[in-house]
Amino acid sequence: MLALKVVDHWIDGHRLHVVGVLTATGNYPAGGDVIPFNDPLIKTGMAPVWVEAQSIGGNDFVGVPGVFQSTPPNAKLRVIADATGVELVAGAYPASVTGNPIQIYAIFPRG
């Protein structure tokens, strides 16, 4: 499960930009975990067009464009182990993910 804390957000006239921190707990589902973009500060009902995430925990993170959810406007985040280049298997999140905040930047269409 992922929890999102919005750190900053702004509209550039065309798109909504969101910067935040994700915290992972519990289990990682195969194929990626849902990023809960249902924060009241994110004033759009549309899915993000860009998601970027990073951490210092030895993993890569991939926003999965093909699996954006529409209600609420969520996206999935896949965790790729740096050591192997392979996505985590379903199961408990490793300490390298739960012990390090995941910084996230997302861009949404205005709507």
N, C-alpha and C. Protein backbone atom coordinates (compact mmCIF):
# COMPACT_ATOMS: atom_id res chain seq x y z
N MET A 1 0.85 -1.18 0.00
CA MET A 1 0.00 0.00 0.00
C MET A 1 0.90 1.24 0.00
N LEU A 2 0.50 2.22 -0.77
CA LEU A 2 1.22 3.48 -0.84
C LEU A 2 0.37 4.60 -0.26
N ALA A 3 1.00 5.49 0.49
CA ALA A 3 0.34 6.70 0.99
C ALA A 3 1.08 7.89 0.40
N LEU A 4 0.34 8.90 -0.02
CA LEU A 4 0.92 10.09 -0.64
C LEU A 4 0.75 11.30 0.26
N LYS A 5 1.84 12.03 0.45
CA LYS A 5 1.80 13.33 1.11
C LYS A 5 2.20 14.36 0.06
N VAL A 6 1.28 15.25 -0.28
CA VAL A 6 1.56 16.29 -1.27
C VAL A 6 2.42 17.36 -0.61
N VAL A 7 3.56 17.66 -1.23
CA VAL A 7 4.49 18.67 -0.72
C VAL A 7 4.27 20.01 -1.41
N ASP A 8 3.96 19.97 -2.71
CA ASP A 8 3.72 21.19 -3.48
C ASP A 8 2.85 20.84 -4.68
N HIS A 9 2.13 21.82 -5.16
CA HIS A 9 1.33 21.65 -6.37
C HIS A 9 1.11 23.03 -7.00
N TRP A 10 1.00 23.06 -8.33
CA TRP A 10 0.77 24.32 -9.04
C TRP A 10 0.21 24.02 -10.42
N ILE A 11 -0.39 25.05 -10.99
CA ILE A 11 -0.90 24.97 -12.36
C ILE A 11 -0.08 25.93 -13.20
N ASP A 12 0.44 25.44 -14.31
CA ASP A 12 1.27 26.28 -15.18
C ASP A 12 0.45 26.95 -16.28
N GLY A 13 -0.85 26.89 -16.17
CA GLY A 13 -1.73 27.43 -17.20
C GLY A 13 -2.30 26.35 -18.09
N HIS A 14 -1.60 25.22 -18.20
CA HIS A 14 -2.05 24.12 -19.05
C HIS A 14 -2.19 22.81 -18.29
N ARG A 15 -1.33 22.59 -17.31
CA ARG A 15 -1.31 21.31 -16.60
C ARG A 15 -1.15 21.54 -15.10
N LEU A 16 -1.59 20.54 -14.33
CA LEU A 16 -1.43 20.53 -12.87
C LEU A 16 -0.18 19.73 -12.54
N HIS A 17 0.73 20.31 -11.78
CA HIS A 17 1.96 19.64 -11.36
C HIS A 17 1.86 19.32 -9.88
N VAL A 18 2.28 18.12 -9.50
CA VAL A 18 2.21 17.68 -8.11
C VAL A 18 3.55 17.09 -7.71
N VAL A 19 4.09 17.56 -6.58
CA VAL A 19 5.30 17.01 -6.00
C VAL A 19 4.91 16.45 -4.64
N GLY A 20 5.37 15.24 -4.35
CA GLY A 20 5.01 14.63 -3.09
C GLY A 20 5.97 13.55 -2.65
N VAL A 21 5.62 12.93 -1.55
CA VAL A 21 6.40 11.84 -0.99
C VAL A 21 5.47 10.65 -0.77
N LEU A 22 5.90 9.49 -1.27
CA LEU A 22 5.16 8.24 -1.06
C LEU A 22 5.80 7.45 0.06
N THR A 23 4.96 6.82 0.86
CA THR A 23 5.40 5.90 1.89
C THR A 23 4.78 4.55 1.60
N ALA A 24 5.61 3.52 1.55
CA ALA A 24 5.13 2.17 1.26
C ALA A 24 5.02 1.36 2.55
N THR A 25 3.92 0.63 2.68
CA THR A 25 3.72 -0.28 3.81
C THR A 25 3.04 -1.53 3.31
N GLY A 26 3.12 -2.57 4.10
CA GLY A 26 2.39 -3.79 3.76
C GLY A 26 3.00 -4.55 2.61
N ASN A 27 2.14 -4.97 1.69
CA ASN A 27 2.57 -5.84 0.60
C ASN A 27 2.57 -5.13 -0.76
N TYR A 28 3.50 -5.56 -1.59
CA TYR A 28 3.59 -5.08 -2.97
C TYR A 28 2.83 -6.06 -3.86
N PRO A 29 1.86 -5.58 -4.64
CA PRO A 29 1.14 -6.47 -5.56
C PRO A 29 1.88 -6.59 -6.89
N ALA A 30 1.84 -7.74 -7.49
CA ALA A 30 2.46 -7.94 -8.81
C ALA A 30 1.90 -6.93 -9.80
N GLY A 31 2.77 -6.35 -10.59
CA GLY A 31 2.33 -5.39 -11.60
C GLY A 31 2.32 -3.95 -11.14
N GLY A 32 2.55 -3.72 -9.86
CA GLY A 32 2.62 -2.35 -9.36
C GLY A 32 1.56 -2.03 -8.33
N ASP A 33 1.89 -1.04 -7.51
CA ASP A 33 0.98 -0.61 -6.45
C ASP A 33 0.34 0.72 -6.86
N VAL A 34 -0.89 0.92 -6.44
CA VAL A 34 -1.65 2.12 -6.82
C VAL A 34 -1.13 3.33 -6.04
N ILE A 35 -0.84 4.40 -6.77
CA ILE A 35 -0.49 5.68 -6.16
C ILE A 35 -1.81 6.42 -5.92
N PRO A 36 -2.14 6.72 -4.68
CA PRO A 36 -3.45 7.34 -4.40
C PRO A 36 -3.43 8.85 -4.63
N PHE A 37 -3.77 9.26 -5.82
CA PHE A 37 -3.83 10.67 -6.16
C PHE A 37 -5.18 11.29 -5.81
N ASN A 38 -5.83 10.81 -4.76
CA ASN A 38 -7.15 11.32 -4.38
C ASN A 38 -7.06 12.39 -3.30
N ASP A 39 -5.90 13.03 -3.16
CA ASP A 39 -5.71 14.11 -2.21
C ASP A 39 -6.56 15.31 -2.63
N PRO A 40 -7.19 16.02 -1.69
CA PRO A 40 -8.02 17.18 -2.05
C PRO A 40 -7.25 18.30 -2.76
N LEU A 41 -5.92 18.34 -2.61
CA LEU A 41 -5.13 19.37 -3.28
C LEU A 41 -4.99 19.09 -4.78
N ILE A 42 -5.26 17.86 -5.19
CA ILE A 42 -5.15 17.48 -6.61
C ILE A 42 -6.54 17.64 -7.22
N LYS A 43 -6.76 18.80 -7.79
CA LYS A 43 -8.10 19.16 -8.27
C LYS A 43 -8.27 18.81 -9.75
N THR A 44 -8.32 17.53 -10.02
CA THR A 44 -8.60 17.04 -11.36
C THR A 44 -9.23 15.65 -11.23
N GLY A 45 -10.05 15.31 -12.14
CA GLY A 45 -10.62 13.98 -12.17
C GLY A 45 -9.94 13.11 -13.22
N MET A 46 -8.85 13.64 -13.79
CA MET A 46 -8.17 12.94 -14.87
C MET A 46 -6.92 12.24 -14.36
N ALA A 47 -6.54 11.21 -15.08
CA ALA A 47 -5.33 10.46 -14.73
C ALA A 47 -4.09 11.26 -15.12
N PRO A 48 -2.97 11.04 -14.42
CA PRO A 48 -1.74 11.75 -14.77
C PRO A 48 -1.22 11.34 -16.14
N VAL A 49 -0.53 12.28 -16.79
CA VAL A 49 0.10 11.98 -18.08
C VAL A 49 1.58 11.68 -17.90
N TRP A 50 2.13 12.02 -16.72
CA TRP A 50 3.54 11.76 -16.43
C TRP A 50 3.68 11.49 -14.94
N VAL A 51 4.42 10.44 -14.61
CA VAL A 51 4.74 10.12 -13.22
C VAL A 51 6.21 9.75 -13.15
N GLU A 52 6.94 10.42 -12.28
CA GLU A 52 8.35 10.09 -12.06
C GLU A 52 8.56 9.93 -10.56
N ALA A 53 9.30 8.90 -10.17
CA ALA A 53 9.55 8.66 -8.75
C ALA A 53 10.99 8.22 -8.56
N GLN A 54 11.55 8.60 -7.41
CA GLN A 54 12.92 8.19 -7.11
C GLN A 54 13.13 8.09 -5.60
N SER A 55 14.13 7.31 -5.23
CA SER A 55 14.46 7.09 -3.83
C SER A 55 15.93 6.74 -3.74
N ILE A 56 16.47 6.73 -2.54
CA ILE A 56 17.87 6.35 -2.36
C ILE A 56 18.01 4.91 -1.89
N GLY A 57 16.95 4.14 -1.94
CA GLY A 57 16.94 2.80 -1.37
C GLY A 57 17.45 1.68 -2.25
N GLY A 58 18.01 1.97 -3.41
CA GLY A 58 18.54 0.91 -4.26
C GLY A 58 17.51 0.28 -5.17
N ASN A 59 16.47 1.01 -5.48
CA ASN A 59 15.43 0.52 -6.39
C ASN A 59 15.14 1.59 -7.42
N ASP A 60 14.62 1.17 -8.57
CA ASP A 60 14.11 2.09 -9.57
C ASP A 60 12.59 2.03 -9.49
N PHE A 61 11.96 3.13 -9.85
CA PHE A 61 10.51 3.19 -9.82
C PHE A 61 10.02 3.62 -11.19
N VAL A 62 8.95 2.98 -11.65
CA VAL A 62 8.41 3.26 -12.97
C VAL A 62 6.93 3.55 -12.84
N GLY A 63 6.51 4.74 -13.29
CA GLY A 63 5.09 5.02 -13.41
C GLY A 63 4.59 4.28 -14.62
N VAL A 64 3.55 3.51 -14.48
CA VAL A 64 3.10 2.63 -15.56
C VAL A 64 1.98 3.32 -16.33
N PRO A 65 2.30 3.89 -17.52
CA PRO A 65 1.29 4.65 -18.25
C PRO A 65 0.09 3.83 -18.70
N GLY A 66 0.28 2.59 -19.02
CA GLY A 66 -0.82 1.79 -19.55
C GLY A 66 -1.84 1.37 -18.51
N VAL A 67 -1.56 1.63 -17.24
CA VAL A 67 -2.49 1.16 -16.21
C VAL A 67 -3.00 2.30 -15.34
N PHE A 68 -3.01 3.51 -15.87
CA PHE A 68 -3.59 4.60 -15.10
C PHE A 68 -5.05 4.28 -14.84
N GLN A 69 -5.47 4.53 -13.65
CA GLN A 69 -6.86 4.31 -13.26
C GLN A 69 -7.63 5.61 -13.53
N SER A 70 -8.92 5.52 -13.70
CA SER A 70 -9.67 6.74 -14.00
C SER A 70 -10.45 7.27 -12.80
N THR A 71 -10.87 6.43 -11.86
CA THR A 71 -11.68 6.91 -10.75
C THR A 71 -11.23 6.25 -9.46
N PRO A 72 -10.66 6.96 -8.51
CA PRO A 72 -10.14 8.31 -8.62
C PRO A 72 -8.93 8.33 -9.54
N PRO A 73 -8.39 9.51 -9.83
CA PRO A 73 -7.30 9.58 -10.81
C PRO A 73 -5.99 9.02 -10.26
N ASN A 74 -5.84 7.73 -10.32
CA ASN A 74 -4.67 7.07 -9.79
C ASN A 74 -3.75 6.59 -10.90
N ALA A 75 -2.58 6.14 -10.49
CA ALA A 75 -1.64 5.49 -11.40
C ALA A 75 -0.98 4.38 -10.61
N LYS A 76 -0.32 3.46 -11.29
CA LYS A 76 0.41 2.41 -10.59
C LYS A 76 1.90 2.71 -10.63
N LEU A 77 2.58 2.29 -9.59
CA LEU A 77 4.02 2.45 -9.51
C LEU A 77 4.65 1.07 -9.41
N ARG A 78 5.53 0.76 -10.36
CA ARG A 78 6.24 -0.52 -10.33
C ARG A 78 7.59 -0.30 -9.66
N VAL A 79 8.01 -1.28 -8.86
CA VAL A 79 9.30 -1.21 -8.18
C VAL A 79 10.24 -2.20 -8.86
N ILE A 80 11.36 -1.69 -9.36
CA ILE A 80 12.36 -2.50 -10.06
C ILE A 80 13.63 -2.53 -9.20
N ALA A 81 14.09 -3.72 -8.84
CA ALA A 81 15.30 -3.85 -8.03
C ALA A 81 16.52 -3.45 -8.85
N ASP A 82 17.33 -2.53 -8.34
CA ASP A 82 18.54 -2.09 -9.04
C ASP A 82 19.49 -3.26 -9.31
N ALA A 83 19.62 -4.14 -8.33
CA ALA A 83 20.60 -5.23 -8.43
C ALA A 83 20.28 -6.19 -9.57
N THR A 84 18.99 -6.41 -9.84
CA THR A 84 18.61 -7.42 -10.83
C THR A 84 17.94 -6.83 -12.07
N GLY A 85 17.38 -5.63 -11.94
CA GLY A 85 16.63 -5.04 -13.04
C GLY A 85 15.27 -5.68 -13.24
N VAL A 86 14.83 -6.43 -12.24
CA VAL A 86 13.57 -7.17 -12.32
C VAL A 86 12.58 -6.58 -11.32
N GLU A 87 11.31 -6.56 -11.71
CA GLU A 87 10.27 -6.06 -10.81
C GLU A 87 10.18 -6.94 -9.57
N LEU A 88 9.86 -6.31 -8.44
CA LEU A 88 9.64 -7.07 -7.20
C LEU A 88 8.52 -8.08 -7.41
N VAL A 89 8.63 -9.19 -6.75
CA VAL A 89 7.54 -10.16 -6.78
C VAL A 89 6.51 -9.75 -5.74
N ALA A 90 5.30 -10.25 -5.89
CA ALA A 90 4.26 -9.94 -4.91
C ALA A 90 4.69 -10.44 -3.54
N GLY A 91 4.46 -9.62 -2.55
CA GLY A 91 4.83 -9.98 -1.18
C GLY A 91 5.17 -8.73 -0.39
N ALA A 92 5.69 -8.94 0.79
CA ALA A 92 6.00 -7.82 1.68
C ALA A 92 7.02 -6.89 1.03
N TYR A 93 6.78 -5.59 1.16
CA TYR A 93 7.76 -4.61 0.67
C TYR A 93 9.07 -4.82 1.42
N PRO A 94 10.22 -4.79 0.71
CA PRO A 94 11.50 -4.91 1.39
C PRO A 94 11.85 -3.60 2.12
N ALA A 95 12.77 -3.70 3.07
CA ALA A 95 13.19 -2.53 3.85
C ALA A 95 13.78 -1.44 2.97
N SER A 96 14.36 -1.81 1.82
CA SER A 96 14.92 -0.80 0.92
C SER A 96 13.84 0.11 0.34
N VAL A 97 12.57 -0.33 0.39
CA VAL A 97 11.46 0.50 -0.07
C VAL A 97 10.77 1.18 1.11
N THR A 98 10.46 0.41 2.15
CA THR A 98 9.74 0.98 3.29
C THR A 98 10.60 1.92 4.12
N GLY A 99 11.92 1.73 4.08
CA GLY A 99 12.81 2.55 4.89
C GLY A 99 13.28 3.83 4.24
N ASN A 100 12.85 4.08 3.03
CA ASN A 100 13.28 5.28 2.30
C ASN A 100 12.09 5.97 1.68
N PRO A 101 11.94 7.27 1.91
CA PRO A 101 10.83 7.97 1.26
C PRO A 101 11.01 7.97 -0.26
N ILE A 102 9.91 7.87 -0.95
CA ILE A 102 9.91 7.87 -2.41
C ILE A 102 9.40 9.24 -2.85
N GLN A 103 10.27 10.00 -3.49
CA GLN A 103 9.87 11.31 -3.99
C GLN A 103 9.18 11.14 -5.33
N ILE A 104 8.09 11.88 -5.51
CA ILE A 104 7.30 11.71 -6.73
C ILE A 104 6.95 13.06 -7.35
N TYR A 105 6.93 13.07 -8.68
CA TYR A 105 6.52 14.24 -9.44
C TYR A 105 5.53 13.75 -10.49
N ALA A 106 4.36 14.34 -10.52
CA ALA A 106 3.32 13.93 -11.47
C ALA A 106 2.75 15.14 -12.18
N ILE A 107 2.37 14.94 -13.43
CA ILE A 107 1.75 16.00 -14.21
C ILE A 107 0.38 15.50 -14.69
N PHE A 108 -0.63 16.32 -14.46
CA PHE A 108 -2.00 15.99 -14.85
C PHE A 108 -2.51 17.00 -15.87
N PRO A 109 -3.37 16.56 -16.80
CA PRO A 109 -4.05 17.55 -17.64
C PRO A 109 -5.03 18.32 -16.78
N ARG A 110 -5.27 19.56 -17.12
CA ARG A 110 -6.31 20.31 -16.38
C ARG A 110 -7.66 19.83 -16.86
N GLY A 111 -8.54 19.68 -15.93
CA GLY A 111 -9.86 19.24 -16.34
C GLY A 111 -10.77 19.00 -15.21
